[in-house]
Amino acid sequence: MAGQPQYEELVRQFSAFGAVKRELGRILPSDCPSGSAAVLTLLGRHGDMRMSRLAELLAVDMSVTSRHVAHVAERGWIDRSPDPADKRSRILRLTPAGQDRLDELSRRTCQLLAERLGDWSDDEVAQLTGLMARLRASFDDCRAHPPHPVSDETTRTPASA
């Protein structure tokens, strides 16, 4: 198991995620902020879904999800149709215009990543992708379980124990 110095360095490296997200945000079209892009991406990846499922996947509350959905619906990028199983609920689905916008976002993102990671090998990109997926899964698992309290016992490194 990694020790405290390794975790401290990892925390410092996490600041890079913010820089990457900011640069990715700068390449988004002005009419498609990051929340809208996330809605399109999730519908493209997972297919038609209820708003409650989208809120789960976005990991935000329904009011935030509703704002994002309203934004993309106003632009004709998604349809909201009644759920046959529950008429009070809506099923969200990408429209052809939404798929076009998603394809454009994907092209922009891939182009930026190709520019910034051009000197990385295919194996290095695959390794980063795998490790980031594993990191995300570790934190997704944490949402299902209550956090562990941090105490002096749990933060001691083997050298200080």
C-alpha atoms as a PDB file:
ATOM      1  CA  MET A   1       0.000   0.000   0.000  1.00  0.00           C
ATOM      2  CA  ALA A   2       1.246   3.484  -0.811  1.00  0.00           C
ATOM      3  CA  GLY A   3       2.408   5.684   2.021  1.00  0.00           C
ATOM      4  CA  GLN A   4       1.438   9.231   2.946  1.00  0.00           C
ATOM      5  CA  PRO A   5       4.213  10.902   0.863  1.00  0.00           C
ATOM      6  CA  GLN A   6       2.951   9.107  -2.252  1.00  0.00           C
ATOM      7  CA  TYR A   7      -0.642  10.173  -1.579  1.00  0.00           C
ATOM      8  CA  GLU A   8       0.480  13.748  -0.931  1.00  0.00           C
ATOM      9  CA  GLU A   9       2.261  13.799  -4.295  1.00  0.00           C
ATOM     10  CA  LEU A  10      -0.822  12.310  -5.927  1.00  0.00           C
ATOM     11  CA  VAL A  11      -2.940  15.127  -4.494  1.00  0.00           C
ATOM     12  CA  ARG A  12      -0.485  17.652  -5.965  1.00  0.00           C
ATOM     13  CA  GLN A  13      -0.735  15.950  -9.353  1.00  0.00           C
ATOM     14  CA  PHE A  14      -4.537  16.101  -9.241  1.00  0.00           C
ATOM     15  CA  SER A  15      -4.235  19.826  -9.937  1.00  0.00           C
ATOM     16  CA  ALA A  16      -3.373  18.787 -13.490  1.00  0.00           C
ATOM     17  CA  PHE A  17      -6.930  17.510 -13.892  1.00  0.00           C
ATOM     18  CA  GLY A  18      -8.214  21.031 -13.348  1.00  0.00           C
ATOM     19  CA  ALA A  19      -5.856  22.416 -15.985  1.00  0.00           C
ATOM     20  CA  VAL A  20      -6.872  19.719 -18.475  1.00  0.00           C
ATOM     21  CA  LYS A  21     -10.599  20.281 -17.811  1.00  0.00           C
ATOM     22  CA  ARG A  22     -10.196  24.053 -18.247  1.00  0.00           C
ATOM     23  CA  GLU A  23      -8.441  23.610 -21.587  1.00  0.00           C
ATOM     24  CA  LEU A  24     -11.042  21.090 -22.748  1.00  0.00           C
ATOM     25  CA  GLY A  25     -13.733  23.586 -21.704  1.00  0.00           C
ATOM     26  CA  ARG A  26     -12.125  26.302 -23.833  1.00  0.00           C
ATOM     27  CA  ILE A  27     -12.561  24.250 -27.006  1.00  0.00           C
ATOM     28  CA  LEU A  28     -16.312  23.801 -26.471  1.00  0.00           C
ATOM     29  CA  PRO A  29     -18.564  25.854 -28.741  1.00  0.00           C
ATOM     30  CA  SER A  30     -20.040  28.878 -26.967  1.00  0.00           C
ATOM     31  CA  ASP A  31     -23.562  27.435 -27.183  1.00  0.00           C
ATOM     32  CA  CYS A  32     -22.503  24.130 -25.625  1.00  0.00           C
ATOM     33  CA  PRO A  33     -21.117  24.540 -22.089  1.00  0.00           C
ATOM     34  CA  SER A  34     -19.617  21.579 -20.268  1.00  0.00           C
ATOM     35  CA  GLY A  35     -22.913  20.524 -18.627  1.00  0.00           C
ATOM     36  CA  SER A  36     -24.598  20.341 -22.017  1.00  0.00           C
ATOM     37  CA  ALA A  37     -21.655  18.443 -23.459  1.00  0.00           C
ATOM     38  CA  ALA A  38     -21.907  15.964 -20.575  1.00  0.00           C
ATOM     39  CA  VAL A  39     -25.625  15.394 -21.275  1.00  0.00           C
ATOM     40  CA  LEU A  40     -24.936  14.730 -24.964  1.00  0.00           C
ATOM     41  CA  THR A  41     -22.003  12.466 -24.139  1.00  0.00           C
ATOM     42  CA  LEU A  42     -23.986  10.353 -21.685  1.00  0.00           C
ATOM     43  CA  LEU A  43     -26.960  10.003 -24.022  1.00  0.00           C
ATOM     44  CA  GLY A  44     -24.568   9.054 -26.820  1.00  0.00           C
ATOM     45  CA  ARG A  45     -22.842   6.459 -24.645  1.00  0.00           C
ATOM     46  CA  HIS A  46     -25.836   4.990 -22.790  1.00  0.00           C
ATOM     47  CA  GLY A  47     -28.752   5.649 -25.153  1.00  0.00           C
ATOM     48  CA  ASP A  48     -32.246   6.835 -24.255  1.00  0.00           C
ATOM     49  CA  MET A  49     -32.890   7.305 -20.549  1.00  0.00           C
ATOM     50  CA  ARG A  50     -35.031   8.974 -17.919  1.00  0.00           C
ATOM     51  CA  MET A  51     -33.947  12.241 -16.398  1.00  0.00           C
ATOM     52  CA  SER A  52     -33.441  10.524 -13.020  1.00  0.00           C
ATOM     53  CA  ARG A  53     -30.904   8.142 -14.579  1.00  0.00           C
ATOM     54  CA  LEU A  54     -29.138  11.065 -16.253  1.00  0.00           C
ATOM     55  CA  ALA A  55     -28.929  12.868 -12.895  1.00  0.00           C
ATOM     56  CA  GLU A  56     -27.339   9.727 -11.408  1.00  0.00           C
ATOM     57  CA  LEU A  57     -24.774   9.505 -14.181  1.00  0.00           C
ATOM     58  CA  LEU A  58     -23.990  13.219 -13.947  1.00  0.00           C
ATOM     59  CA  ALA A  59     -23.782  12.887 -10.141  1.00  0.00           C
ATOM     60  CA  VAL A  60     -25.791  16.098  -9.689  1.00  0.00           C
ATOM     61  CA  ASP A  61     -29.265  16.824  -8.349  1.00  0.00           C
ATOM     62  CA  MET A  62     -32.392  16.967 -10.482  1.00  0.00           C
ATOM     63  CA  SER A  63     -32.536  20.783 -10.575  1.00  0.00           C
ATOM     64  CA  VAL A  64     -29.077  20.971 -12.168  1.00  0.00           C
ATOM     65  CA  THR A  65     -29.934  18.130 -14.540  1.00  0.00           C
ATOM     66  CA  SER A  66     -33.158  19.912 -15.532  1.00  0.00           C
ATOM     67  CA  ARG A  67     -31.244  23.075 -16.447  1.00  0.00           C
ATOM     68  CA  HIS A  68     -28.779  21.130 -18.596  1.00  0.00           C
ATOM     69  CA  VAL A  69     -31.595  19.195 -20.275  1.00  0.00           C
ATOM     70  CA  ALA A  70     -33.580  22.383 -20.956  1.00  0.00           C
ATOM     71  CA  HIS A  71     -30.502  23.955 -22.577  1.00  0.00           C
ATOM     72  CA  VAL A  72     -29.884  21.058 -24.972  1.00  0.00           C
ATOM     73  CA  ALA A  73     -33.606  20.615 -25.701  1.00  0.00           C
ATOM     74  CA  GLU A  74     -33.965  24.314 -26.633  1.00  0.00           C
ATOM     75  CA  ARG A  75     -31.247  23.798 -29.246  1.00  0.00           C
ATOM     76  CA  GLY A  76     -32.950  20.722 -30.690  1.00  0.00           C
ATOM     77  CA  TRP A  77     -30.171  18.356 -29.620  1.00  0.00           C
ATOM     78  CA  ILE A  78     -32.446  16.054 -27.615  1.00  0.00           C
ATOM     79  CA  ASP A  79     -36.097  15.034 -27.581  1.00  0.00           C
ATOM     80  CA  ARG A  80     -38.098  14.631 -24.395  1.00  0.00           C
ATOM     81  CA  SER A  81     -40.980  12.228 -24.853  1.00  0.00           C
ATOM     82  CA  PRO A  82     -43.417  10.729 -22.329  1.00  0.00           C
ATOM     83  CA  ASP A  83     -42.254   7.509 -20.740  1.00  0.00           C
ATOM     84  CA  PRO A  84     -44.789   4.793 -21.720  1.00  0.00           C
ATOM     85  CA  ALA A  85     -44.303   3.169 -18.306  1.00  0.00           C
ATOM     86  CA  ASP A  86     -44.869   6.401 -16.345  1.00  0.00           C
ATOM     87  CA  LYS A  87     -46.543   9.307 -18.142  1.00  0.00           C
ATOM     88  CA  ARG A  88     -45.206  11.771 -15.539  1.00  0.00           C
ATOM     89  CA  SER A  89     -41.655  10.920 -16.511  1.00  0.00           C
ATOM     90  CA  ARG A  90     -39.799  11.771 -19.714  1.00  0.00           C
ATOM     91  CA  ILE A  91     -37.445   9.732 -21.849  1.00  0.00           C
ATOM     92  CA  LEU A  92     -34.497  11.691 -23.226  1.00  0.00           C
ATOM     93  CA  ARG A  93     -32.938  10.817 -26.560  1.00  0.00           C
ATOM     94  CA  LEU A  94     -30.434  12.387 -28.908  1.00  0.00           C
ATOM     95  CA  THR A  95     -31.775  13.927 -32.099  1.00  0.00           C
ATOM     96  CA  PRO A  96     -29.784  13.818 -35.350  1.00  0.00           C
ATOM     97  CA  ALA A  97     -28.708  17.422 -34.611  1.00  0.00           C
ATOM     98  CA  GLY A  98     -27.606  16.290 -31.135  1.00  0.00           C
ATOM     99  CA  GLN A  99     -25.602  13.430 -32.615  1.00  0.00           C
ATOM    100  CA  ASP A 100     -23.964  15.906 -35.026  1.00  0.00           C
ATOM    101  CA  ARG A 101     -23.058  18.197 -32.111  1.00  0.00           C
ATOM    102  CA  LEU A 102     -21.712  15.209 -30.143  1.00  0.00           C
ATOM    103  CA  ASP A 103     -19.616  14.134 -33.143  1.00  0.00           C
ATOM    104  CA  GLU A 104     -18.200  17.671 -33.393  1.00  0.00           C
ATOM    105  CA  LEU A 105     -17.359  17.705 -29.670  1.00  0.00           C
ATOM    106  CA  SER A 106     -15.636  14.345 -30.019  1.00  0.00           C
ATOM    107  CA  ARG A 107     -13.568  15.571 -32.976  1.00  0.00           C
ATOM    108  CA  ARG A 108     -12.488  18.702 -31.081  1.00  0.00           C
ATOM    109  CA  THR A 109     -11.595  16.765 -27.955  1.00  0.00           C
ATOM    110  CA  CYS A 110      -9.682  14.064 -29.804  1.00  0.00           C
ATOM    111  CA  GLN A 111      -7.782  16.695 -31.801  1.00  0.00           C
ATOM    112  CA  LEU A 112      -6.713  18.517 -28.634  1.00  0.00           C
ATOM    113  CA  LEU A 113      -5.661  15.300 -26.928  1.00  0.00           C
ATOM    114  CA  ALA A 114      -3.742  14.199 -30.034  1.00  0.00           C
ATOM    115  CA  GLU A 115      -1.894  17.545 -30.035  1.00  0.00           C
ATOM    116  CA  ARG A 116      -1.068  17.493 -26.314  1.00  0.00           C
ATOM    117  CA  LEU A 117      -0.226  13.776 -26.119  1.00  0.00           C
ATOM    118  CA  GLY A 118       1.453  13.527 -29.513  1.00  0.00           C
ATOM    119  CA  ASP A 119       4.762  12.516 -27.972  1.00  0.00           C
ATOM    120  CA  TRP A 120       3.156   9.774 -25.857  1.00  0.00           C
ATOM    121  CA  SER A 121       3.262   6.184 -27.074  1.00  0.00           C
ATOM    122  CA  ASP A 122       0.056   4.244 -27.687  1.00  0.00           C
ATOM    123  CA  ASP A 123       0.955   2.102 -24.669  1.00  0.00           C
ATOM    124  CA  GLU A 124       1.334   5.178 -22.439  1.00  0.00           C
ATOM    125  CA  VAL A 125      -2.054   6.534 -23.522  1.00  0.00           C
ATOM    126  CA  ALA A 126      -3.623   3.114 -22.913  1.00  0.00           C
ATOM    127  CA  GLN A 127      -1.956   2.879 -19.493  1.00  0.00           C
ATOM    128  CA  LEU A 128      -3.220   6.345 -18.500  1.00  0.00           C
ATOM    129  CA  THR A 129      -6.715   5.474 -19.714  1.00  0.00           C
ATOM    130  CA  GLY A 130      -6.738   2.245 -17.728  1.00  0.00           C
ATOM    131  CA  LEU A 131      -5.453   3.874 -14.563  1.00  0.00           C
ATOM    132  CA  MET A 132      -7.934   6.745 -14.798  1.00  0.00           C
ATOM    133  CA  ALA A 133     -10.791   4.275 -15.315  1.00  0.00           C
ATOM    134  CA  ARG A 134      -9.622   2.358 -12.267  1.00  0.00           C
ATOM    135  CA  LEU A 135      -9.364   5.568 -10.216  1.00  0.00           C
ATOM    136  CA  ARG A 136     -12.856   6.600 -11.231  1.00  0.00           C
ATOM    137  CA  ALA A 137     -14.231   3.168 -10.371  1.00  0.00           C
ATOM    138  CA  SER A 138     -12.603   3.389  -6.937  1.00  0.00           C
ATOM    139  CA  PHE A 139     -14.381   6.667  -6.278  1.00  0.00           C
ATOM    140  CA  ASP A 140     -17.673   5.422  -7.753  1.00  0.00           C
ATOM    141  CA  ASP A 141     -17.448   2.510  -5.299  1.00  0.00           C
ATOM    142  CA  CYS A 142     -16.945   5.027  -2.482  1.00  0.00           C
ATOM    143  CA  ARG A 143     -20.243   6.759  -3.273  1.00  0.00           C
ATOM    144  CA  ALA A 144     -22.068   3.524  -2.482  1.00  0.00           C
ATOM    145  CA  HIS A 145     -20.400   3.228   0.935  1.00  0.00           C
ATOM    146  CA  PRO A 146     -20.148   5.735   3.783  1.00  0.00           C
ATOM    147  CA  PRO A 147     -16.729   7.393   4.029  1.00  0.00           C
ATOM    148  CA  HIS A 148     -14.265   6.020   6.519  1.00  0.00           C
ATOM    149  CA  PRO A 149     -13.379   8.442   9.302  1.00  0.00           C
ATOM    150  CA  VAL A 150      -9.810   9.659   9.137  1.00  0.00           C
ATOM    151  CA  SER A 151      -7.866   9.151  12.328  1.00  0.00           C
ATOM    152  CA  ASP A 152      -4.243   9.260  13.353  1.00  0.00           C
ATOM    153  CA  GLU A 153      -4.171   5.470  13.057  1.00  0.00           C
ATOM    154  CA  THR A 154      -5.269   5.462   9.412  1.00  0.00           C
ATOM    155  CA  THR A 155      -2.961   8.293   8.301  1.00  0.00           C
ATOM    156  CA  ARG A 156       0.256   6.926   9.819  1.00  0.00           C
ATOM    157  CA  THR A 157       2.786   5.605   7.400  1.00  0.00           C
ATOM    158  CA  PRO A 158       4.623   2.366   8.212  1.00  0.00           C
ATOM    159  CA  ALA A 159       7.726   4.429   9.010  1.00  0.00           C
ATOM    160  CA  SER A 160       5.869   6.492  11.628  1.00  0.00           C
ATOM    161  CA  ALA A 161       3.956   3.587  13.172  1.00  0.00           C
END
